[in-house]
C-alpha atoms as a PDB file:
ATOM      1  CA  MET A   1     120.812 114.673 126.441  1.00  0.00           C
ATOM      2  CA  ILE A   2     118.963 116.064 123.469  1.00  0.00           C
ATOM      3  CA  CYS A   3     118.070 113.509 120.804  1.00  0.00           C
ATOM      4  CA  ASP A   4     119.858 114.256 117.533  1.00  0.00           C
ATOM      5  CA  ARG A   5     116.835 113.054 115.555  1.00  0.00           C
ATOM      6  CA  CYS A   6     113.701 114.327 117.283  1.00  0.00           C
ATOM      7  CA  GLY A   7     115.239 117.096 119.382  1.00  0.00           C
ATOM      8  CA  LYS A   8     113.522 115.996 122.602  1.00  0.00           C
ATOM      9  CA  GLU A   9     115.316 115.758 125.907  1.00  0.00           C
ATOM     10  CA  SER A  10     115.948 112.229 127.133  1.00  0.00           C
ATOM     11  CA  LEU A  11     117.677 110.585 130.084  1.00  0.00           C
ATOM     12  CA  ALA A  12     118.954 107.702 127.933  1.00  0.00           C
ATOM     13  CA  SER A  13     120.355 107.437 124.438  1.00  0.00           C
ATOM     14  CA  THR A  14     121.825 104.962 122.001  1.00  0.00           C
ATOM     15  CA  GLY A  15     123.589 105.099 118.677  1.00  0.00           C
ATOM     16  CA  SER A  16     121.489 104.881 115.529  1.00  0.00           C
ATOM     17  CA  TRP A  17     121.998 101.888 113.234  1.00  0.00           C
ATOM     18  CA  PHE A  18     121.158 104.127 110.244  1.00  0.00           C
ATOM     19  CA  THR A  19     123.336 107.199 110.939  1.00  0.00           C
ATOM     20  CA  THR A  20     125.953 108.512 113.345  1.00  0.00           C
ATOM     21  CA  GLU A  21     123.279 110.212 115.471  1.00  0.00           C
ATOM     22  CA  GLN A  22     122.793 109.672 119.187  1.00  0.00           C
ATOM     23  CA  ILE A  23     119.067 109.032 119.513  1.00  0.00           C
ATOM     24  CA  CYS A  24     116.542 108.627 122.310  1.00  0.00           C
ATOM     25  CA  LEU A  25     114.980 105.267 123.060  1.00  0.00           C
ATOM     26  CA  SER A  26     111.730 106.307 121.363  1.00  0.00           C
ATOM     27  CA  CYS A  27     113.571 107.006 118.101  1.00  0.00           C
ATOM     28  CA  SER A  28     115.474 103.747 118.570  1.00  0.00           C
ATOM     29  CA  SER A  29     112.153 101.893 118.801  1.00  0.00           C
ATOM     30  CA  ALA A  30     111.029 103.553 115.569  1.00  0.00           C
ATOM     31  CA  GLU A  31     114.221 102.331 113.892  1.00  0.00           C
ATOM     32  CA  LYS A  32     113.410  98.755 114.887  1.00  0.00           C
ATOM     33  CA  GLU A  33     110.073  99.019 113.046  1.00  0.00           C
ATOM     34  CA  HIS A  34     111.678 100.298 109.828  1.00  0.00           C
ATOM     35  CA  PRO A  35     111.762  97.764 106.963  1.00  0.00           C
ATOM     36  CA  ASP A  36     115.482  98.499 106.389  1.00  0.00           C
ATOM     37  CA  TYR A  37     116.472  97.866 110.024  1.00  0.00           C
ATOM     38  CA  GLU A  38     118.192  94.526 109.361  1.00  0.00           C
ATOM     39  CA  LYS A  39     119.859  95.994 106.254  1.00  0.00           C
ATOM     40  CA  ALA A  40     121.265  98.855 108.365  1.00  0.00           C
ATOM     41  CA  ARG A  41     122.544  96.462 111.036  1.00  0.00           C
ATOM     42  CA  ALA A  42     124.140  94.178 108.438  1.00  0.00           C
ATOM     43  CA  ALA A  43     125.838  97.128 106.702  1.00  0.00           C
ATOM     44  CA  GLU A  44     127.268  98.337 110.018  1.00  0.00           C
ATOM     45  CA  ALA A  45     128.544  94.851 110.885  1.00  0.00           C
ATOM     46  CA  GLU A  46     130.163  94.477 107.459  1.00  0.00           C
ATOM     47  CA  ALA A  47     131.848  97.881 107.789  1.00  0.00           C
ATOM     48  CA  VAL A  48     133.322  96.881 111.154  1.00  0.00           C
ATOM     49  CA  ARG A  49     134.564  93.574 109.693  1.00  0.00           C
ATOM     50  CA  ARG A  50     136.363  95.643 107.017  1.00  0.00           C
ATOM     51  CA  GLY A  51     137.902  97.780 109.761  1.00  0.00           C
ATOM     52  CA  ASP A  52     135.754 100.840 109.032  1.00  0.00           C
ATOM     53  CA  TYR A  53     134.978 102.154 112.502  1.00  0.00           C
ATOM     54  CA  ASN A  54     133.729 105.487 111.109  1.00  0.00           C
ATOM     55  CA  PHE A  55     130.938 104.046 108.961  1.00  0.00           C
ATOM     56  CA  PRO A  56     128.344 106.788 108.376  1.00  0.00           C
ATOM     57  CA  GLY A  57     125.453 104.326 108.069  1.00  0.00           C
ATOM     58  CA  ILE A  58     123.008 103.788 105.240  1.00  0.00           C
ATOM     59  CA  GLY A  59     121.015 106.926 106.027  1.00  0.00           C
ATOM     60  CA  TRP A  60     117.681 107.415 107.752  1.00  0.00           C
ATOM     61  CA  THR A  61     114.498 107.870 105.769  1.00  0.00           C
ATOM     62  CA  PRO A  62     111.467 108.045 108.036  1.00  0.00           C
ATOM     63  CA  LEU A  63     108.426 106.057 107.005  1.00  0.00           C
ATOM     64  CA  PRO A  64     105.366 107.960 105.847  1.00  0.00           C
ATOM     65  CA  ARG A  65     102.913 108.323 108.715  1.00  0.00           C
ATOM     66  CA  LYS A  66     100.442 105.745 107.320  1.00  0.00           C
ATOM     67  CA  GLU A  67     103.159 103.004 107.207  1.00  0.00           C
ATOM     68  CA  ARG A  68     104.136 103.335 110.866  1.00  0.00           C
ATOM     69  CA  ALA A  69     102.874 100.685 113.242  1.00  0.00           C
END
């Protein structure tokens, strides 16, 4: 599969917590380091509790390079 976010080919993918993209595990790891990660997960969980199974997410804003771990 081709990662919707970085465009690289990957053998494994997962759904983004921030968007509807299918992302590679490297991009998924970057999501986990984002300061809004828990906010994105909570928003998704709340949407599902409301019955919204097409929640678009809170949106992905990459961190500036200097803020990445």
